Amino acid sequence: MLHYEGRYERFFGIKTMQIKKSDDEQNFHYQGASYMVLLELFKKLPEILKNKNFIDIGSGKGRALFCAEYSGFNNLIGVELDQELVEISNENVKLYSQKRKESHFHFTCENALTYVIPEGTSVFYFFNPFSEKIMQEVEKKISAYQIQNRSEIFIIYVNPQFKNVWINAGYETYYKEGNSRYTEALIFRKKAD
């Protein structure tokens, strides 16, 4: 598996493989999701979303957003609490070799609980960045945004430890990656009212 990870790192020209530990019990360590899983997940999303905002909450070094850009998404936003990881993400933007002229990256050092979701957002990505308590608060924020904007929302959740947060909030399973014993990732959807 590491062979594929290194191959994609070289193909994209970025550096996202090294794990970074966190001392905070509420915010988990950084580790990039599998390139192969990300690229497969992003193919499952409707084509119409490609010009909507794609937000990675807990974006780390930006791997998911580079995969989303490669998959055709144009408006890529990373929200990350760790300033050092934001700086690495911005360096990776300079290194990224596959960038299309119509795409835009923006990485910001902000808390997910205080981040203001920009208009035109339809996709949120999580790789289990924080505790269940914080996930519940973020879900409330996204659901309030969804109701206010009457928009369809897609939640991509890799390593979905707290999937019931989304299920209990009325999000339906749109796609599941994994097998009968292990769920690697879920895509949830909540339709516009």
C-alpha atoms as a PDB file:
ATOM      1  CA  MET A   1       0.000   0.000   0.000  1.00  0.00           C
ATOM      2  CA  LEU A   2       2.834   2.427   0.809  1.00  0.00           C
ATOM      3  CA  HIS A   3       4.155   1.829  -2.705  1.00  0.00           C
ATOM      4  CA  TYR A   4       0.951   3.365  -4.123  1.00  0.00           C
ATOM      5  CA  GLU A   5       1.059   6.252  -1.662  1.00  0.00           C
ATOM      6  CA  GLY A   6       4.609   7.147  -2.710  1.00  0.00           C
ATOM      7  CA  ARG A   7       3.684   6.829  -6.371  1.00  0.00           C
ATOM      8  CA  TYR A   8       0.823   9.311  -5.999  1.00  0.00           C
ATOM      9  CA  GLU A   9       3.010  11.693  -3.978  1.00  0.00           C
ATOM     10  CA  ARG A  10       5.488  11.759  -6.858  1.00  0.00           C
ATOM     11  CA  PHE A  11       2.726  12.064  -9.482  1.00  0.00           C
ATOM     12  CA  PHE A  12       1.144  15.056  -7.715  1.00  0.00           C
ATOM     13  CA  GLY A  13       4.512  16.484  -6.610  1.00  0.00           C
ATOM     14  CA  ILE A  14       3.279  17.073  -3.042  1.00  0.00           C
ATOM     15  CA  LYS A  15       4.411  15.986   0.432  1.00  0.00           C
ATOM     16  CA  THR A  16       1.584  14.693   2.621  1.00  0.00           C
ATOM     17  CA  MET A  17       2.727  11.284   3.884  1.00  0.00           C
ATOM     18  CA  GLN A  18       4.318  12.071   7.250  1.00  0.00           C
ATOM     19  CA  ILE A  19       1.969  11.659  10.248  1.00  0.00           C
ATOM     20  CA  LYS A  20       1.737  14.486  12.794  1.00  0.00           C
ATOM     21  CA  LYS A  21       0.595  13.718  16.341  1.00  0.00           C
ATOM     22  CA  SER A  22      -1.742  15.952  18.349  1.00  0.00           C
ATOM     23  CA  ASP A  23      -1.621  16.556  22.092  1.00  0.00           C
ATOM     24  CA  ASP A  24      -5.278  17.631  22.112  1.00  0.00           C
ATOM     25  CA  GLU A  25      -7.828  14.974  23.109  1.00  0.00           C
ATOM     26  CA  GLN A  26     -10.578  16.647  21.056  1.00  0.00           C
ATOM     27  CA  ASN A  27      -8.559  17.094  17.836  1.00  0.00           C
ATOM     28  CA  PHE A  28      -6.941  13.977  16.437  1.00  0.00           C
ATOM     29  CA  HIS A  29      -3.549  13.506  14.758  1.00  0.00           C
ATOM     30  CA  TYR A  30      -2.889  14.236  11.088  1.00  0.00           C
ATOM     31  CA  GLN A  31      -2.677  11.355   8.660  1.00  0.00           C
ATOM     32  CA  GLY A  32      -3.607  11.502   4.986  1.00  0.00           C
ATOM     33  CA  ALA A  33      -6.322   9.143   3.727  1.00  0.00           C
ATOM     34  CA  SER A  34      -5.416   6.623   1.020  1.00  0.00           C
ATOM     35  CA  TYR A  35      -5.032   8.197  -2.407  1.00  0.00           C
ATOM     36  CA  MET A  36      -6.838   5.275  -4.017  1.00  0.00           C
ATOM     37  CA  VAL A  37      -9.810   5.598  -1.648  1.00  0.00           C
ATOM     38  CA  LEU A  38     -10.013   9.368  -2.152  1.00  0.00           C
ATOM     39  CA  LEU A  39      -9.917   9.172  -5.941  1.00  0.00           C
ATOM     40  CA  GLU A  40     -12.576   6.453  -5.929  1.00  0.00           C
ATOM     41  CA  LEU A  41     -14.862   8.384  -3.557  1.00  0.00           C
ATOM     42  CA  PHE A  42     -14.686  11.604  -5.550  1.00  0.00           C
ATOM     43  CA  LYS A  43     -15.811   9.775  -8.715  1.00  0.00           C
ATOM     44  CA  LYS A  44     -19.078   8.920  -6.945  1.00  0.00           C
ATOM     45  CA  LEU A  45     -20.185  12.527  -6.508  1.00  0.00           C
ATOM     46  CA  PRO A  46     -22.553  14.137  -9.051  1.00  0.00           C
ATOM     47  CA  GLU A  47     -20.868  16.119 -11.826  1.00  0.00           C
ATOM     48  CA  ILE A  48     -22.964  19.182 -10.983  1.00  0.00           C
ATOM     49  CA  LEU A  49     -20.990  19.650  -7.746  1.00  0.00           C
ATOM     50  CA  LYS A  50     -17.671  20.319  -9.488  1.00  0.00           C
ATOM     51  CA  ASN A  51     -18.139  24.117  -9.433  1.00  0.00           C
ATOM     52  CA  LYS A  52     -19.495  24.259  -5.870  1.00  0.00           C
ATOM     53  CA  ASN A  53     -17.237  24.793  -2.856  1.00  0.00           C
ATOM     54  CA  PHE A  54     -15.556  21.619  -1.622  1.00  0.00           C
ATOM     55  CA  ILE A  55     -14.483  22.080   2.012  1.00  0.00           C
ATOM     56  CA  ASP A  56     -12.106  19.772   3.869  1.00  0.00           C
ATOM     57  CA  ILE A  57     -12.601  20.233   7.621  1.00  0.00           C
ATOM     58  CA  GLY A  58      -9.329  19.267   9.301  1.00  0.00           C
ATOM     59  CA  SER A  59      -7.486  19.525   5.991  1.00  0.00           C
ATOM     60  CA  GLY A  60      -4.021  18.680   7.317  1.00  0.00           C
ATOM     61  CA  LYS A  61      -1.485  18.942   4.506  1.00  0.00           C
ATOM     62  CA  GLY A  62      -4.169  19.153   1.817  1.00  0.00           C
ATOM     63  CA  ARG A  63      -4.093  15.662   0.307  1.00  0.00           C
ATOM     64  CA  ALA A  64      -7.873  15.277  -0.031  1.00  0.00           C
ATOM     65  CA  LEU A  65      -8.190  18.638  -1.776  1.00  0.00           C
ATOM     66  CA  PHE A  66      -5.435  17.828  -4.270  1.00  0.00           C
ATOM     67  CA  CYS A  67      -7.255  14.588  -5.084  1.00  0.00           C
ATOM     68  CA  ALA A  68     -10.547  16.494  -5.395  1.00  0.00           C
ATOM     69  CA  GLU A  69      -8.928  19.012  -7.757  1.00  0.00           C
ATOM     70  CA  TYR A  70      -7.499  16.191  -9.849  1.00  0.00           C
ATOM     71  CA  SER A  71     -11.022  14.705  -9.932  1.00  0.00           C
ATOM     72  CA  GLY A  72     -12.424  17.921 -11.436  1.00  0.00           C
ATOM     73  CA  PHE A  73     -13.482  20.044  -8.450  1.00  0.00           C
ATOM     74  CA  ASN A  74     -12.613  23.719  -8.828  1.00  0.00           C
ATOM     75  CA  ASN A  75     -13.261  25.569  -5.558  1.00  0.00           C
ATOM     76  CA  LEU A  76     -11.175  23.888  -2.865  1.00  0.00           C
ATOM     77  CA  ILE A  77     -11.096  25.107   0.726  1.00  0.00           C
ATOM     78  CA  GLY A  78      -9.079  23.626   3.580  1.00  0.00           C
ATOM     79  CA  VAL A  79      -9.988  24.490   7.177  1.00  0.00           C
ATOM     80  CA  GLU A  80      -7.255  23.460   9.607  1.00  0.00           C
ATOM     81  CA  LEU A  81      -6.590  24.333  13.274  1.00  0.00           C
ATOM     82  CA  ASP A  82      -2.810  23.732  13.096  1.00  0.00           C
ATOM     83  CA  GLN A  83      -0.946  26.693  11.526  1.00  0.00           C
ATOM     84  CA  GLU A  84       2.076  24.523  10.661  1.00  0.00           C
ATOM     85  CA  LEU A  85      -0.133  22.185   8.594  1.00  0.00           C
ATOM     86  CA  VAL A  86      -1.713  25.169   6.802  1.00  0.00           C
ATOM     87  CA  GLU A  87       1.771  26.378   5.865  1.00  0.00           C
ATOM     88  CA  ILE A  88       2.660  22.911   4.534  1.00  0.00           C
ATOM     89  CA  SER A  89      -0.592  22.898   2.521  1.00  0.00           C
ATOM     90  CA  ASN A  90       0.279  26.239   0.954  1.00  0.00           C
ATOM     91  CA  GLU A  91       3.742  24.920   0.067  1.00  0.00           C
ATOM     92  CA  ASN A  92       2.072  21.871  -1.489  1.00  0.00           C
ATOM     93  CA  VAL A  93      -0.070  24.175  -3.669  1.00  0.00           C
ATOM     94  CA  LYS A  94       3.168  25.553  -5.145  1.00  0.00           C
ATOM     95  CA  LEU A  95       4.502  22.018  -5.696  1.00  0.00           C
ATOM     96  CA  TYR A  96       1.290  20.468  -7.056  1.00  0.00           C
ATOM     97  CA  SER A  97       2.031  19.475 -10.647  1.00  0.00           C
ATOM     98  CA  GLN A  98      -1.464  18.581 -11.921  1.00  0.00           C
ATOM     99  CA  LYS A  99      -3.270  21.889 -11.256  1.00  0.00           C
ATOM    100  CA  ARG A 100      -5.870  22.978 -13.784  1.00  0.00           C
ATOM    101  CA  LYS A 101      -6.163  26.701 -14.612  1.00  0.00           C
ATOM    102  CA  GLU A 102      -9.848  26.874 -13.551  1.00  0.00           C
ATOM    103  CA  SER A 103      -9.258  25.567 -10.021  1.00  0.00           C
ATOM    104  CA  HIS A 104      -8.549  27.584  -6.868  1.00  0.00           C
ATOM    105  CA  PHE A 105      -7.140  26.502  -3.503  1.00  0.00           C
ATOM    106  CA  HIS A 106      -7.607  28.345  -0.220  1.00  0.00           C
ATOM    107  CA  PHE A 107      -6.225  27.040   3.081  1.00  0.00           C
ATOM    108  CA  THR A 108      -7.155  28.794   6.309  1.00  0.00           C
ATOM    109  CA  CYS A 109      -6.091  28.331   9.927  1.00  0.00           C
ATOM    110  CA  GLU A 110      -9.424  28.363  11.730  1.00  0.00           C
ATOM    111  CA  ASN A 111     -11.454  26.405  14.222  1.00  0.00           C
ATOM    112  CA  ALA A 112     -14.213  24.371  12.548  1.00  0.00           C
ATOM    113  CA  LEU A 113     -16.649  25.600  15.212  1.00  0.00           C
ATOM    114  CA  THR A 114     -16.169  29.271  14.345  1.00  0.00           C
ATOM    115  CA  TYR A 115     -15.515  28.964  10.610  1.00  0.00           C
ATOM    116  CA  VAL A 116     -18.151  30.731   8.503  1.00  0.00           C
ATOM    117  CA  ILE A 117     -19.300  28.456   5.664  1.00  0.00           C
ATOM    118  CA  PRO A 118     -19.209  30.405   2.398  1.00  0.00           C
ATOM    119  CA  GLU A 119     -22.228  30.556   0.108  1.00  0.00           C
ATOM    120  CA  GLY A 120     -22.157  27.984  -2.670  1.00  0.00           C
ATOM    121  CA  THR A 121     -20.851  25.105  -0.551  1.00  0.00           C
ATOM    122  CA  SER A 122     -22.197  21.620  -1.248  1.00  0.00           C
ATOM    123  CA  VAL A 123     -19.431  19.176  -0.272  1.00  0.00           C
ATOM    124  CA  PHE A 124     -17.745  18.673   3.104  1.00  0.00           C
ATOM    125  CA  TYR A 125     -14.945  16.170   3.659  1.00  0.00           C
ATOM    126  CA  PHE A 126     -13.811  14.677   6.985  1.00  0.00           C
ATOM    127  CA  PHE A 127     -11.122  12.124   7.804  1.00  0.00           C
ATOM    128  CA  ASN A 128     -12.193  11.735  11.421  1.00  0.00           C
ATOM    129  CA  PRO A 129     -10.479  14.966  12.516  1.00  0.00           C
ATOM    130  CA  PHE A 130     -11.931  15.350  15.990  1.00  0.00           C
ATOM    131  CA  SER A 131     -14.058  13.974  18.814  1.00  0.00           C
ATOM    132  CA  GLU A 132     -17.746  13.049  18.661  1.00  0.00           C
ATOM    133  CA  LYS A 133     -18.658  16.143  20.677  1.00  0.00           C
ATOM    134  CA  ILE A 134     -17.022  18.477  18.163  1.00  0.00           C
ATOM    135  CA  MET A 135     -18.452  16.475  15.251  1.00  0.00           C
ATOM    136  CA  GLN A 136     -21.946  17.033  16.684  1.00  0.00           C
ATOM    137  CA  GLU A 137     -21.355  20.782  16.837  1.00  0.00           C
ATOM    138  CA  VAL A 138     -19.989  20.865  13.294  1.00  0.00           C
ATOM    139  CA  GLU A 139     -22.980  18.842  12.071  1.00  0.00           C
ATOM    140  CA  LYS A 140     -25.363  21.388  13.640  1.00  0.00           C
ATOM    141  CA  LYS A 141     -23.498  24.192  11.890  1.00  0.00           C
ATOM    142  CA  ILE A 142     -23.613  22.448   8.493  1.00  0.00           C
ATOM    143  CA  SER A 143     -27.278  21.495   8.907  1.00  0.00           C
ATOM    144  CA  ALA A 144     -28.161  25.100   9.790  1.00  0.00           C
ATOM    145  CA  TYR A 145     -26.292  26.228   6.662  1.00  0.00           C
ATOM    146  CA  GLN A 146     -28.170  23.622   4.595  1.00  0.00           C
ATOM    147  CA  ILE A 147     -31.575  24.796   5.862  1.00  0.00           C
ATOM    148  CA  GLN A 148     -30.751  28.487   5.424  1.00  0.00           C
ATOM    149  CA  ASN A 149     -29.457  28.022   1.873  1.00  0.00           C
ATOM    150  CA  ARG A 150     -31.938  25.300   0.859  1.00  0.00           C
ATOM    151  CA  SER A 151     -29.094  23.413  -0.763  1.00  0.00           C
ATOM    152  CA  GLU A 152     -28.242  19.754  -1.199  1.00  0.00           C
ATOM    153  CA  ILE A 153     -25.263  18.785   0.975  1.00  0.00           C
ATOM    154  CA  PHE A 154     -22.839  15.885   0.598  1.00  0.00           C
ATOM    155  CA  ILE A 155     -20.680  14.732   3.518  1.00  0.00           C
ATOM    156  CA  ILE A 156     -17.673  12.543   2.688  1.00  0.00           C
ATOM    157  CA  TYR A 157     -16.536  10.799   5.861  1.00  0.00           C
ATOM    158  CA  VAL A 158     -13.440   8.576   5.831  1.00  0.00           C
ATOM    159  CA  ASN A 159     -12.917   6.298   8.857  1.00  0.00           C
ATOM    160  CA  PRO A 160     -16.444   7.197  10.010  1.00  0.00           C
ATOM    161  CA  GLN A 161     -16.207   6.542  13.754  1.00  0.00           C
ATOM    162  CA  PHE A 162     -19.062   8.915  14.529  1.00  0.00           C
ATOM    163  CA  LYS A 163     -21.322   8.199  11.554  1.00  0.00           C
ATOM    164  CA  ASN A 164     -24.408   8.186  13.791  1.00  0.00           C
ATOM    165  CA  VAL A 165     -23.996  11.937  14.228  1.00  0.00           C
ATOM    166  CA  TRP A 166     -24.938  12.334  10.541  1.00  0.00           C
ATOM    167  CA  ILE A 167     -27.497   9.524  10.437  1.00  0.00           C
ATOM    168  CA  ASN A 168     -29.310  10.925  13.487  1.00  0.00           C
ATOM    169  CA  ALA A 169     -29.391  14.356  11.807  1.00  0.00           C
ATOM    170  CA  GLY A 170     -31.304  12.965   8.827  1.00  0.00           C
ATOM    171  CA  TYR A 171     -28.481  12.464   6.338  1.00  0.00           C
ATOM    172  CA  GLU A 172     -28.955   9.424   4.108  1.00  0.00           C
ATOM    173  CA  THR A 173     -26.193   7.116   2.939  1.00  0.00           C
ATOM    174  CA  TYR A 174     -25.408   7.928  -0.681  1.00  0.00           C
ATOM    175  CA  TYR A 175     -22.394   5.616  -1.079  1.00  0.00           C
ATOM    176  CA  LYS A 176     -20.401   3.193   1.093  1.00  0.00           C
ATOM    177  CA  GLU A 177     -16.780   2.165   0.543  1.00  0.00           C
ATOM    178  CA  GLY A 178     -15.709  -1.028   2.295  1.00  0.00           C
ATOM    179  CA  ASN A 179     -17.040  -4.504   2.918  1.00  0.00           C
ATOM    180  CA  SER A 180     -19.452  -6.259   5.300  1.00  0.00           C
ATOM    181  CA  ARG A 181     -16.939  -6.158   8.169  1.00  0.00           C
ATOM    182  CA  TYR A 182     -15.344  -2.753   7.715  1.00  0.00           C
ATOM    183  CA  THR A 183     -16.623   0.596   6.485  1.00  0.00           C
ATOM    184  CA  GLU A 184     -13.731   2.611   5.129  1.00  0.00           C
ATOM    185  CA  ALA A 185     -15.754   5.621   4.041  1.00  0.00           C
ATOM    186  CA  LEU A 186     -19.288   6.909   3.648  1.00  0.00           C
ATOM    187  CA  ILE A 187     -20.836   9.609   1.542  1.00  0.00           C
ATOM    188  CA  PHE A 188     -23.948  11.082   3.129  1.00  0.00           C
ATOM    189  CA  ARG A 189     -26.458  13.315   1.402  1.00  0.00           C
ATOM    190  CA  LYS A 190     -29.134  15.650   2.644  1.00  0.00           C
ATOM    191  CA  LYS A 191     -31.471  16.944  -0.049  1.00  0.00           C
ATOM    192  CA  ALA A 192     -32.611  20.533  -0.317  1.00  0.00           C
ATOM    193  CA  ASP A 193     -36.002  21.198   1.307  1.00  0.00           C
END
